[in-house]
Structure formats: C-alpha cells, structure tokens
Amino acid sequence: MAQPKRKHSKRRSATRRAANAFKAPELAIDPTDGSAVRPHRVNPNTGMYRGRQVLDVNV
C-alpha cells in the first residue's frame, strides 16, 4: 500500500475538514407574511410563489 512521503500539517487537515462542514441553508424573507422560507420555493404556509397563488392551502 502506498505511504505518504511527508506528514500533512494539522492546518492542512483542519482546512480539508472545514470545507466539508455543514452549512445552514440560507433563508429568504417572504414579503407577504414575513416568514423565513427557502428561496425559489413555494411558501408552505400561504401557497404563494413570486406574488402568485400556486397552491390551494386550507387555512
């Protein structure tokens, strides 16, 4: 089995692990009701998308 020629530094290992770290999804504020929703998705509370009613939501 192949062996590394030089030891990887702690900084190099930490940088690699940091690139795989979990990132929370960015949220957009819906102007109709002010709730935070994922961008480019229908608001599940109101059924609105880009100012249009696209889902029939029973409230």
Protein backbone atom coordinates (compact mmCIF):
# COMPACT_ATOMS: atom_id res chain seq x y z
CA MET A 1 0.00 0.00 0.00
CA ALA A 2 1.27 3.49 -0.80
CA GLN A 3 2.64 5.63 2.00
CA PRO A 4 2.70 9.44 2.13
CA LYS A 5 6.13 10.95 1.52
CA ARG A 6 5.64 13.82 4.00
CA LYS A 7 3.45 14.40 7.05
CA HIS A 8 0.38 16.55 6.49
CA SER A 9 0.24 19.50 8.86
CA LYS A 10 -2.60 19.99 11.33
CA ARG A 11 -3.63 23.15 9.48
CA ARG A 12 -3.89 21.28 6.17
CA SER A 13 -6.07 18.59 7.75
CA ALA A 14 -8.26 21.17 9.51
CA THR A 15 -8.73 23.12 6.25
CA ARG A 16 -9.86 19.98 4.46
CA ARG A 17 -12.34 19.15 7.22
CA ALA A 18 -13.65 22.73 7.30
CA ALA A 19 -14.51 22.54 3.59
CA ASN A 20 -16.87 19.64 4.37
CA ALA A 21 -18.53 21.39 7.32
CA PHE A 22 -22.32 21.64 7.46
CA LYS A 23 -23.70 24.97 6.26
CA ALA A 24 -27.18 26.03 7.31
CA PRO A 25 -29.47 26.79 4.35
CA GLU A 26 -29.88 30.44 3.51
CA LEU A 27 -33.40 31.69 4.05
CA ALA A 28 -35.33 34.44 2.29
CA ILE A 29 -37.95 36.62 3.96
CA ASP A 30 -41.37 36.29 2.34
CA PRO A 31 -42.79 39.81 1.82
CA THR A 32 -46.42 38.69 2.16
CA ASP A 33 -46.28 37.35 5.72
CA GLY A 34 -42.67 37.95 6.81
CA SER A 35 -41.83 34.29 7.38
CA ALA A 36 -38.43 32.84 6.51
CA VAL A 37 -38.60 30.32 3.63
CA ARG A 38 -36.10 28.65 1.32
CA PRO A 39 -35.50 30.74 -1.81
CA HIS A 40 -37.13 29.67 -5.10
CA ARG A 41 -39.69 27.51 -3.30
CA VAL A 42 -43.38 27.84 -2.60
CA ASN A 43 -44.21 29.17 0.85
CA PRO A 44 -45.92 26.20 2.54
CA ASN A 45 -47.90 28.47 4.89
CA THR A 46 -49.57 30.62 2.23
CA GLY A 47 -49.06 28.73 -1.04
CA MET A 48 -47.61 31.85 -2.69
CA TYR A 49 -44.64 31.93 -5.08
CA ARG A 50 -43.31 35.20 -6.51
CA GLY A 51 -46.54 37.05 -5.74
CA ARG A 52 -48.86 34.41 -7.27
CA GLN A 53 -51.08 31.84 -5.60
CA VAL A 54 -49.82 28.47 -6.85
CA LEU A 55 -51.07 26.10 -4.13
CA ASP A 56 -54.52 25.84 -2.62
CA VAL A 57 -53.86 25.91 1.13
CA ASN A 58 -56.72 25.32 3.53
CA VAL A 59 -56.19 27.68 6.45
